[in-house]
Amino acid sequence: MKYLLFLALLSPLSYAEIREIDLGDGLSLVLDEMDFDTATNTVTIDSDSKKYRVNGRYPFGTDFGNPQSILVSAVLKYEDKAYDLDVSNMYNTKGSDWISGECGRVEWCTVRATFSTGGGFYGVEWSVRNGDVARTVISDSSEVVDLLHRSIAERRKHVTKQSTGLK
């Protein structure tokens, strides 16, 4: 038994960060991110493109090298509803505040976000339609990320004007 405890103490510890982001109008997004663990993920490098792959897939959020963190879950909360969002293959979201969301009604919402760690940037959009949840966009195309970024900036202006009473 002593040896099991000793081995448990030697295992690497992962750091988890849970953030709840207020998106205005009673809408919030809860992100749960953990340090990336190379022991539980297979990292390879394509011989042709020299791009990293994590578990056989191109990771969003890093251009070169291992991701620093992995997004474990994202939950959209609005009124008395909570929606689990698809976070597969999403890395390095810590520190991003370029996120916006809106709901026309309880089961009709859209959330957009852009994430960047310098070289590894990408954008994502999730939609809730009649209670069905889908990630409708995930892209590292600069054109798509720019469109999402501008949409987020417009939504932020709208929320700021509403909350301050500005016109």
N, C-alpha and C. Protein backbone atom coordinates (compact mmCIF):
# COMPACT_ATOMS: atom_id res chain seq x y z
N MET A 1 0.83 -1.19 0.00
CA MET A 1 0.00 0.00 0.00
C MET A 1 0.87 1.26 0.00
N LYS A 2 1.98 1.23 0.74
CA LYS A 2 2.88 2.38 0.77
C LYS A 2 3.40 2.70 -0.63
N TYR A 3 3.67 1.65 -1.40
CA TYR A 3 4.22 1.85 -2.73
C TYR A 3 3.21 2.50 -3.68
N LEU A 4 1.93 2.12 -3.56
CA LEU A 4 0.90 2.74 -4.40
C LEU A 4 0.79 4.23 -4.12
N LEU A 5 0.84 4.59 -2.86
CA LEU A 5 0.77 6.00 -2.50
C LEU A 5 1.98 6.75 -3.05
N PHE A 6 3.15 6.14 -2.95
CA PHE A 6 4.37 6.75 -3.47
C PHE A 6 4.27 6.96 -4.98
N LEU A 7 3.75 5.97 -5.72
CA LEU A 7 3.58 6.09 -7.16
C LEU A 7 2.57 7.17 -7.50
N ALA A 8 1.52 7.26 -6.75
CA ALA A 8 0.51 8.30 -6.98
C ALA A 8 1.11 9.68 -6.80
N LEU A 9 2.00 9.83 -5.84
CA LEU A 9 2.63 11.12 -5.61
C LEU A 9 3.59 11.48 -6.73
N LEU A 10 4.16 10.47 -7.40
CA LEU A 10 5.09 10.72 -8.49
C LEU A 10 4.39 11.07 -9.81
N SER A 11 3.10 10.71 -9.94
CA SER A 11 2.41 10.97 -11.21
C SER A 11 2.27 12.46 -11.44
N PRO A 12 2.35 12.88 -12.71
CA PRO A 12 2.26 14.31 -13.00
C PRO A 12 0.88 14.86 -12.66
N LEU A 13 0.87 16.05 -12.10
CA LEU A 13 -0.39 16.68 -11.76
C LEU A 13 -0.82 17.58 -12.90
N SER A 14 -2.09 17.57 -13.21
CA SER A 14 -2.63 18.45 -14.23
C SER A 14 -3.33 19.61 -13.57
N TYR A 15 -3.19 20.75 -14.17
CA TYR A 15 -3.83 21.95 -13.66
C TYR A 15 -5.12 22.17 -14.44
N ALA A 16 -6.21 22.37 -13.75
CA ALA A 16 -7.49 22.65 -14.40
C ALA A 16 -7.89 24.09 -14.11
N GLU A 17 -8.43 24.73 -15.11
CA GLU A 17 -8.92 26.09 -14.95
C GLU A 17 -10.36 26.13 -15.45
N ILE A 18 -11.27 26.54 -14.58
CA ILE A 18 -12.67 26.68 -14.97
C ILE A 18 -13.00 28.16 -14.92
N ARG A 19 -13.47 28.67 -16.06
CA ARG A 19 -13.83 30.09 -16.15
C ARG A 19 -15.28 30.20 -16.57
N GLU A 20 -16.00 31.10 -15.91
CA GLU A 20 -17.36 31.41 -16.37
C GLU A 20 -17.34 32.82 -16.92
N ILE A 21 -17.72 32.96 -18.18
CA ILE A 21 -17.66 34.22 -18.88
C ILE A 21 -19.08 34.75 -19.06
N ASP A 22 -19.33 35.93 -18.52
CA ASP A 22 -20.64 36.57 -18.66
C ASP A 22 -20.73 37.18 -20.04
N LEU A 23 -21.68 36.73 -20.84
CA LEU A 23 -21.86 37.22 -22.21
C LEU A 23 -22.98 38.25 -22.31
N GLY A 24 -23.55 38.63 -21.17
CA GLY A 24 -24.63 39.62 -21.17
C GLY A 24 -25.99 38.98 -21.40
N ASP A 25 -27.02 39.73 -21.09
CA ASP A 25 -28.41 39.29 -21.30
C ASP A 25 -28.72 37.94 -20.65
N GLY A 26 -28.09 37.63 -19.51
CA GLY A 26 -28.36 36.39 -18.79
C GLY A 26 -27.69 35.16 -19.38
N LEU A 27 -26.78 35.36 -20.31
CA LEU A 27 -26.09 34.27 -21.00
C LEU A 27 -24.67 34.16 -20.48
N SER A 28 -24.20 32.94 -20.23
CA SER A 28 -22.81 32.76 -19.81
C SER A 28 -22.25 31.48 -20.43
N LEU A 29 -20.93 31.46 -20.51
CA LEU A 29 -20.21 30.31 -21.06
C LEU A 29 -19.20 29.85 -20.02
N VAL A 30 -19.25 28.57 -19.68
CA VAL A 30 -18.32 27.99 -18.72
C VAL A 30 -17.32 27.13 -19.48
N LEU A 31 -16.03 27.50 -19.39
CA LEU A 31 -14.96 26.77 -20.06
C LEU A 31 -14.12 26.03 -19.02
N ASP A 32 -13.87 24.76 -19.25
CA ASP A 32 -13.04 23.94 -18.38
C ASP A 32 -11.84 23.48 -19.20
N GLU A 33 -10.67 23.97 -18.82
CA GLU A 33 -9.45 23.68 -19.57
C GLU A 33 -8.40 23.08 -18.63
N MET A 34 -7.66 22.11 -19.16
CA MET A 34 -6.60 21.45 -18.38
C MET A 34 -5.29 21.53 -19.13
N ASP A 35 -4.20 21.40 -18.37
CA ASP A 35 -2.89 21.31 -19.00
C ASP A 35 -2.87 20.12 -19.94
N PHE A 36 -2.18 20.26 -21.07
CA PHE A 36 -2.05 19.18 -22.04
C PHE A 36 -1.10 18.13 -21.48
N ASP A 37 -1.50 16.87 -21.55
CA ASP A 37 -0.72 15.78 -21.00
C ASP A 37 -0.20 14.89 -22.13
N THR A 38 1.10 14.91 -22.37
CA THR A 38 1.68 14.11 -23.45
C THR A 38 1.63 12.61 -23.13
N ALA A 39 1.45 12.26 -21.87
CA ALA A 39 1.39 10.84 -21.51
C ALA A 39 0.06 10.21 -21.92
N THR A 40 -1.00 10.99 -22.03
CA THR A 40 -2.31 10.43 -22.38
C THR A 40 -2.75 10.80 -23.80
N ASN A 41 -1.90 11.51 -24.54
CA ASN A 41 -2.21 11.90 -25.92
C ASN A 41 -1.05 11.48 -26.83
N THR A 42 -1.36 11.04 -28.03
CA THR A 42 -0.35 10.66 -28.99
C THR A 42 -0.06 11.85 -29.90
N VAL A 43 1.18 12.32 -29.87
CA VAL A 43 1.59 13.46 -30.68
C VAL A 43 2.54 12.95 -31.76
N THR A 44 2.21 13.28 -33.04
CA THR A 44 3.06 12.91 -34.16
C THR A 44 3.29 14.15 -35.02
N ILE A 45 4.31 14.07 -35.88
CA ILE A 45 4.60 15.15 -36.81
C ILE A 45 4.55 14.59 -38.22
N ASP A 46 3.75 15.21 -39.10
CA ASP A 46 3.69 14.79 -40.50
C ASP A 46 5.06 15.00 -41.14
N SER A 47 5.54 14.00 -41.84
CA SER A 47 6.85 14.13 -42.47
C SER A 47 6.83 15.14 -43.62
N ASP A 48 5.70 15.26 -44.32
CA ASP A 48 5.61 16.19 -45.45
C ASP A 48 5.40 17.63 -45.00
N SER A 49 4.36 17.87 -44.22
CA SER A 49 4.00 19.24 -43.87
C SER A 49 4.68 19.74 -42.60
N LYS A 50 5.25 18.85 -41.83
CA LYS A 50 5.89 19.19 -40.55
C LYS A 50 4.88 19.71 -39.52
N LYS A 51 3.59 19.47 -39.76
CA LYS A 51 2.55 19.90 -38.82
C LYS A 51 2.35 18.83 -37.75
N TYR A 52 2.06 19.30 -36.55
CA TYR A 52 1.78 18.40 -35.45
C TYR A 52 0.38 17.82 -35.58
N ARG A 53 0.23 16.60 -35.12
CA ARG A 53 -1.08 15.96 -35.00
C ARG A 53 -1.20 15.44 -33.58
N VAL A 54 -2.38 15.61 -33.02
CA VAL A 54 -2.67 15.09 -31.68
C VAL A 54 -3.76 14.04 -31.85
N ASN A 55 -3.44 12.83 -31.43
CA ASN A 55 -4.36 11.70 -31.57
C ASN A 55 -4.85 11.57 -33.02
N GLY A 56 -3.94 11.81 -33.97
CA GLY A 56 -4.24 11.64 -35.38
C GLY A 56 -4.91 12.82 -36.05
N ARG A 57 -5.20 13.89 -35.32
CA ARG A 57 -5.92 15.03 -35.89
C ARG A 57 -5.11 16.31 -35.75
N TYR A 58 -5.30 17.21 -36.71
CA TYR A 58 -4.65 18.51 -36.64
C TYR A 58 -5.25 19.30 -35.48
N PRO A 59 -4.44 19.74 -34.52
CA PRO A 59 -4.97 20.45 -33.35
C PRO A 59 -5.20 21.94 -33.63
N PHE A 60 -6.36 22.43 -33.31
CA PHE A 60 -6.61 23.86 -33.41
C PHE A 60 -6.03 24.54 -32.18
N GLY A 61 -5.22 25.59 -32.41
CA GLY A 61 -4.67 26.36 -31.30
C GLY A 61 -3.16 26.29 -31.19
N THR A 62 -2.51 25.55 -32.09
CA THR A 62 -1.06 25.50 -32.05
C THR A 62 -0.53 25.30 -33.47
N ASP A 63 0.52 26.03 -33.81
CA ASP A 63 1.14 25.85 -35.12
C ASP A 63 2.29 24.85 -35.04
N PHE A 64 3.14 25.04 -34.05
CA PHE A 64 4.29 24.16 -33.89
C PHE A 64 4.40 23.79 -32.42
N GLY A 65 4.76 22.58 -32.16
CA GLY A 65 4.94 22.14 -30.78
C GLY A 65 3.65 21.60 -30.18
N ASN A 66 3.81 21.02 -29.01
CA ASN A 66 2.66 20.47 -28.31
C ASN A 66 1.75 21.58 -27.80
N PRO A 67 0.45 21.33 -27.78
CA PRO A 67 -0.44 22.30 -27.14
C PRO A 67 -0.08 22.43 -25.66
N GLN A 68 -0.34 23.59 -25.10
CA GLN A 68 -0.11 23.80 -23.67
C GLN A 68 -1.30 23.34 -22.85
N SER A 69 -2.50 23.45 -23.43
CA SER A 69 -3.70 23.09 -22.69
C SER A 69 -4.75 22.53 -23.65
N ILE A 70 -5.71 21.83 -23.09
CA ILE A 70 -6.79 21.22 -23.86
C ILE A 70 -8.12 21.65 -23.25
N LEU A 71 -9.06 22.03 -24.09
CA LEU A 71 -10.39 22.40 -23.61
C LEU A 71 -11.17 21.12 -23.36
N VAL A 72 -11.54 20.90 -22.11
CA VAL A 72 -12.20 19.67 -21.69
C VAL A 72 -13.71 19.77 -21.88
N SER A 73 -14.28 20.94 -21.58
CA SER A 73 -15.72 21.12 -21.77
C SER A 73 -16.05 22.60 -21.89
N ALA A 74 -17.19 22.84 -22.52
CA ALA A 74 -17.77 24.18 -22.61
C ALA A 74 -19.27 24.02 -22.43
N VAL A 75 -19.84 24.81 -21.53
CA VAL A 75 -21.27 24.74 -21.27
C VAL A 75 -21.86 26.13 -21.43
N LEU A 76 -22.86 26.23 -22.27
CA LEU A 76 -23.59 27.47 -22.47
C LEU A 76 -24.78 27.47 -21.54
N LYS A 77 -24.90 28.52 -20.72
CA LYS A 77 -26.01 28.62 -19.77
C LYS A 77 -26.89 29.81 -20.15
N TYR A 78 -28.19 29.56 -20.19
CA TYR A 78 -29.14 30.63 -20.45
C TYR A 78 -30.43 30.30 -19.73
N GLU A 79 -30.86 31.23 -18.88
CA GLU A 79 -32.03 31.04 -18.02
C GLU A 79 -31.88 29.71 -17.28
N ASP A 80 -32.83 28.80 -17.43
CA ASP A 80 -32.74 27.54 -16.67
C ASP A 80 -32.17 26.40 -17.51
N LYS A 81 -31.57 26.71 -18.65
CA LYS A 81 -31.03 25.69 -19.56
C LYS A 81 -29.50 25.70 -19.54
N ALA A 82 -28.93 24.53 -19.80
CA ALA A 82 -27.48 24.39 -19.95
C ALA A 82 -27.23 23.48 -21.14
N TYR A 83 -26.34 23.90 -22.03
CA TYR A 83 -26.05 23.14 -23.24
C TYR A 83 -24.57 22.80 -23.28
N ASP A 84 -24.25 21.51 -23.42
CA ASP A 84 -22.87 21.06 -23.58
C ASP A 84 -22.45 21.29 -25.03
N LEU A 85 -21.34 21.99 -25.22
CA LEU A 85 -20.86 22.33 -26.55
C LEU A 85 -19.72 21.40 -26.97
N ASP A 86 -19.61 21.14 -28.25
CA ASP A 86 -18.55 20.29 -28.81
C ASP A 86 -17.20 21.01 -28.69
N VAL A 87 -16.27 20.42 -27.97
CA VAL A 87 -14.94 21.01 -27.80
C VAL A 87 -13.84 20.10 -28.33
N SER A 88 -14.22 19.11 -29.14
CA SER A 88 -13.22 18.19 -29.65
C SER A 88 -12.17 18.92 -30.47
N ASN A 89 -10.93 18.56 -30.24
CA ASN A 89 -9.78 19.07 -31.00
C ASN A 89 -9.51 20.56 -30.76
N MET A 90 -9.93 21.08 -29.61
CA MET A 90 -9.71 22.50 -29.28
C MET A 90 -8.66 22.61 -28.18
N TYR A 91 -7.64 23.41 -28.44
CA TYR A 91 -6.51 23.57 -27.53
C TYR A 91 -6.20 25.05 -27.32
N ASN A 92 -5.49 25.32 -26.24
CA ASN A 92 -4.92 26.65 -25.97
C ASN A 92 -5.95 27.78 -26.01
N THR A 93 -6.99 27.67 -25.20
CA THR A 93 -8.00 28.73 -25.15
C THR A 93 -7.82 29.65 -23.95
N LYS A 94 -6.87 29.37 -23.10
CA LYS A 94 -6.67 30.19 -21.90
C LYS A 94 -6.39 31.64 -22.27
N GLY A 95 -7.04 32.54 -21.55
CA GLY A 95 -6.77 33.95 -21.70
C GLY A 95 -7.57 34.65 -22.78
N SER A 96 -8.32 33.90 -23.59
CA SER A 96 -9.10 34.57 -24.64
C SER A 96 -10.33 35.23 -24.05
N ASP A 97 -10.57 36.47 -24.45
CA ASP A 97 -11.82 37.10 -24.05
C ASP A 97 -12.60 37.58 -25.27
N TRP A 98 -12.24 37.07 -26.44
CA TRP A 98 -12.97 37.40 -27.66
C TRP A 98 -14.06 36.38 -27.86
N ILE A 99 -15.09 36.52 -27.04
CA ILE A 99 -16.22 35.59 -27.06
C ILE A 99 -17.49 36.43 -26.97
N SER A 100 -18.49 36.07 -27.77
CA SER A 100 -19.79 36.74 -27.66
C SER A 100 -20.88 35.72 -27.87
N GLY A 101 -22.05 36.06 -27.40
CA GLY A 101 -23.19 35.17 -27.58
C GLY A 101 -24.48 35.93 -27.49
N GLU A 102 -25.50 35.34 -28.06
CA GLU A 102 -26.83 35.92 -27.97
C GLU A 102 -27.85 34.82 -28.12
N CYS A 103 -29.00 35.04 -27.48
CA CYS A 103 -30.11 34.11 -27.58
C CYS A 103 -31.35 34.89 -27.96
N GLY A 104 -32.01 34.43 -29.01
CA GLY A 104 -33.28 35.02 -29.39
C GLY A 104 -34.38 34.56 -28.47
N ARG A 105 -34.25 33.35 -28.02
CA ARG A 105 -35.13 32.76 -27.00
C ARG A 105 -34.35 31.60 -26.38
N VAL A 106 -34.95 30.92 -25.42
CA VAL A 106 -34.22 29.92 -24.64
C VAL A 106 -33.54 28.86 -25.51
N GLU A 107 -34.17 28.39 -26.55
CA GLU A 107 -33.60 27.30 -27.33
C GLU A 107 -33.12 27.76 -28.70
N TRP A 108 -32.65 29.02 -28.79
CA TRP A 108 -32.19 29.57 -30.06
C TRP A 108 -31.03 30.51 -29.78
N CYS A 109 -29.81 29.97 -29.71
CA CYS A 109 -28.64 30.75 -29.30
C CYS A 109 -27.48 30.55 -30.26
N THR A 110 -26.58 31.55 -30.29
CA THR A 110 -25.35 31.46 -31.06
C THR A 110 -24.21 32.00 -30.20
N VAL A 111 -23.09 31.30 -30.18
CA VAL A 111 -21.89 31.74 -29.48
C VAL A 111 -20.73 31.70 -30.46
N ARG A 112 -19.95 32.78 -30.47
CA ARG A 112 -18.76 32.86 -31.33
C ARG A 112 -17.55 33.18 -30.47
N ALA A 113 -16.40 32.61 -30.86
CA ALA A 113 -15.16 32.88 -30.11
C ALA A 113 -13.97 32.79 -31.05
N THR A 114 -12.96 33.59 -30.75
CA THR A 114 -11.66 33.44 -31.41
C THR A 114 -10.62 33.23 -30.33
N PHE A 115 -9.70 32.34 -30.59
CA PHE A 115 -8.65 32.00 -29.64
C PHE A 115 -7.30 32.18 -30.32
N SER A 116 -6.31 32.64 -29.57
CA SER A 116 -4.99 32.83 -30.15
C SER A 116 -3.91 32.67 -29.09
N THR A 117 -2.83 32.00 -29.50
CA THR A 117 -1.64 31.88 -28.65
C THR A 117 -0.45 32.47 -29.37
N GLY A 118 -0.72 33.42 -30.23
CA GLY A 118 0.34 33.99 -31.06
C GLY A 118 0.19 33.45 -32.46
N GLY A 119 0.89 32.38 -32.78
CA GLY A 119 0.82 31.80 -34.11
C GLY A 119 -0.38 30.89 -34.32
N GLY A 120 -0.84 30.26 -33.27
CA GLY A 120 -1.94 29.30 -33.41
C GLY A 120 -3.28 29.93 -33.10
N PHE A 121 -3.91 30.55 -34.11
CA PHE A 121 -5.20 31.16 -33.88
C PHE A 121 -6.28 30.37 -34.61
N TYR A 122 -7.52 30.47 -34.08
CA TYR A 122 -8.65 29.84 -34.73
C TYR A 122 -9.94 30.43 -34.20
N GLY A 123 -11.02 30.18 -34.94
CA GLY A 123 -12.32 30.67 -34.54
C GLY A 123 -13.32 29.53 -34.50
N VAL A 124 -14.35 29.74 -33.69
CA VAL A 124 -15.38 28.71 -33.52
C VAL A 124 -16.74 29.37 -33.36
N GLU A 125 -17.76 28.68 -33.84
CA GLU A 125 -19.14 29.12 -33.62
C GLU A 125 -19.96 27.91 -33.23
N TRP A 126 -20.77 28.08 -32.19
CA TRP A 126 -21.71 27.05 -31.78
C TRP A 126 -23.12 27.59 -31.93
N SER A 127 -24.05 26.73 -32.30
CA SER A 127 -25.45 27.14 -32.44
C SER A 127 -26.34 26.19 -31.66
N VAL A 128 -27.36 26.75 -31.05
CA VAL A 128 -28.42 25.97 -30.42
C VAL A 128 -29.69 26.33 -31.18
N ARG A 129 -30.33 25.34 -31.77
CA ARG A 129 -31.56 25.54 -32.52
C ARG A 129 -32.58 24.53 -32.03
N ASN A 130 -33.63 25.04 -31.41
CA ASN A 130 -34.69 24.18 -30.85
C ASN A 130 -34.12 23.12 -29.91
N GLY A 131 -33.10 23.49 -29.17
CA GLY A 131 -32.50 22.58 -28.20
C GLY A 131 -31.39 21.71 -28.76
N ASP A 132 -31.23 21.63 -30.10
CA ASP A 132 -30.15 20.86 -30.71
C ASP A 132 -28.89 21.71 -30.76
N VAL A 133 -27.77 21.14 -30.32
CA VAL A 133 -26.52 21.88 -30.23
C VAL A 133 -25.56 21.38 -31.32
N ALA A 134 -24.90 22.32 -32.00
CA ALA A 134 -23.92 21.96 -33.02
C ALA A 134 -22.79 22.98 -33.03
N ARG A 135 -21.59 22.49 -33.28
CA ARG A 135 -20.49 23.40 -33.57
C ARG A 135 -20.55 23.60 -35.08
N THR A 136 -20.93 24.79 -35.50
CA THR A 136 -21.16 25.05 -36.92
C THR A 136 -19.89 25.50 -37.64
N VAL A 137 -18.91 26.03 -36.89
CA VAL A 137 -17.66 26.49 -37.49
C VAL A 137 -16.51 26.17 -36.55
N ILE A 138 -15.43 25.65 -37.12
CA ILE A 138 -14.12 25.66 -36.46
C ILE A 138 -13.11 25.79 -37.59
N SER A 139 -12.31 26.85 -37.53
CA SER A 139 -11.41 27.13 -38.64
C SER A 139 -10.22 27.94 -38.18
N ASP A 140 -9.07 27.70 -38.83
CA ASP A 140 -7.90 28.54 -38.59
C ASP A 140 -7.60 29.39 -39.83
N SER A 141 -8.56 29.46 -40.75
CA SER A 141 -8.44 30.34 -41.91
C SER A 141 -8.49 31.79 -41.43
N SER A 142 -7.55 32.60 -41.87
CA SER A 142 -7.51 33.99 -41.41
C SER A 142 -8.78 34.74 -41.82
N GLU A 143 -9.35 34.42 -42.98
CA GLU A 143 -10.58 35.09 -43.40
C GLU A 143 -11.74 34.76 -42.49
N VAL A 144 -11.89 33.50 -42.12
CA VAL A 144 -12.98 33.08 -41.24
C VAL A 144 -12.80 33.66 -39.84
N VAL A 145 -11.58 33.59 -39.33
CA VAL A 145 -11.30 34.15 -37.99
C VAL A 145 -11.58 35.64 -37.98
N ASP A 146 -11.21 36.35 -39.04
CA ASP A 146 -11.47 37.78 -39.13
C ASP A 146 -12.97 38.08 -39.11
N LEU A 147 -13.76 37.30 -39.87
CA LEU A 147 -15.22 37.48 -39.87
C LEU A 147 -15.81 37.26 -38.48
N LEU A 148 -15.38 36.20 -37.81
CA LEU A 148 -15.86 35.92 -36.46
C LEU A 148 -15.46 37.04 -35.50
N HIS A 149 -14.22 37.49 -35.62
CA HIS A 149 -13.71 38.56 -34.75
C HIS A 149 -14.53 39.84 -34.92
N ARG A 150 -14.84 40.20 -36.17
CA ARG A 150 -15.65 41.40 -36.41
C ARG A 150 -17.07 41.23 -35.87
N SER A 151 -17.63 40.04 -36.03
CA SER A 151 -18.97 39.77 -35.50
C SER A 151 -18.99 39.89 -33.97
N ILE A 152 -17.95 39.38 -33.34
CA ILE A 152 -17.84 39.48 -31.88
C ILE A 152 -17.73 40.94 -31.47
N ALA A 153 -16.92 41.72 -32.17
CA ALA A 153 -16.76 43.14 -31.85
C ALA A 153 -18.08 43.89 -31.98
N GLU A 154 -18.86 43.59 -33.01
CA GLU A 154 -20.18 44.23 -33.18
C GLU A 154 -21.11 43.87 -32.04
N ARG A 155 -21.13 42.61 -31.66
CA ARG A 155 -22.00 42.15 -30.56
C ARG A 155 -21.59 42.83 -29.26
N ARG A 156 -20.29 42.97 -29.03
CA ARG A 156 -19.82 43.64 -27.82
C ARG A 156 -20.28 45.08 -27.77
N LYS A 157 -20.24 45.77 -28.92
CA LYS A 157 -20.72 47.15 -28.96
C LYS A 157 -22.20 47.21 -28.60
N HIS A 158 -22.97 46.26 -29.14
CA HIS A 158 -24.40 46.20 -28.88
C HIS A 158 -24.68 45.99 -27.39
N VAL A 159 -23.97 45.04 -26.79
CA VAL A 159 -24.15 44.75 -25.36
C VAL A 159 -23.75 45.95 -24.52
N THR A 160 -22.63 46.60 -24.88
CA THR A 160 -22.17 47.78 -24.13
C THR A 160 -23.18 48.92 -24.22
N LYS A 161 -23.72 49.16 -25.40
CA LYS A 161 -24.72 50.22 -25.55
C LYS A 161 -25.96 49.92 -24.72
N GLN A 162 -26.40 48.67 -24.71
CA GLN A 162 -27.57 48.29 -23.92
C GLN A 162 -27.33 48.50 -22.43
N SER A 163 -26.17 48.06 -21.95
CA SER A 163 -25.92 48.10 -20.51
C SER A 163 -25.63 49.50 -20.01
N THR A 164 -25.13 50.38 -20.90
CA THR A 164 -24.82 51.74 -20.45
C THR A 164 -25.89 52.74 -20.85
N GLY A 165 -26.82 52.33 -21.70
CA GLY A 165 -27.86 53.23 -22.17
C GLY A 165 -27.39 54.13 -23.29
N LEU A 166 -26.19 53.91 -23.84
CA LEU A 166 -25.67 54.74 -24.94
C LEU A 166 -26.41 54.41 -26.24
N LYS A 167 -26.44 55.37 -27.13
CA LYS A 167 -27.06 55.15 -28.44
C LYS A 167 -26.07 55.31 -29.55
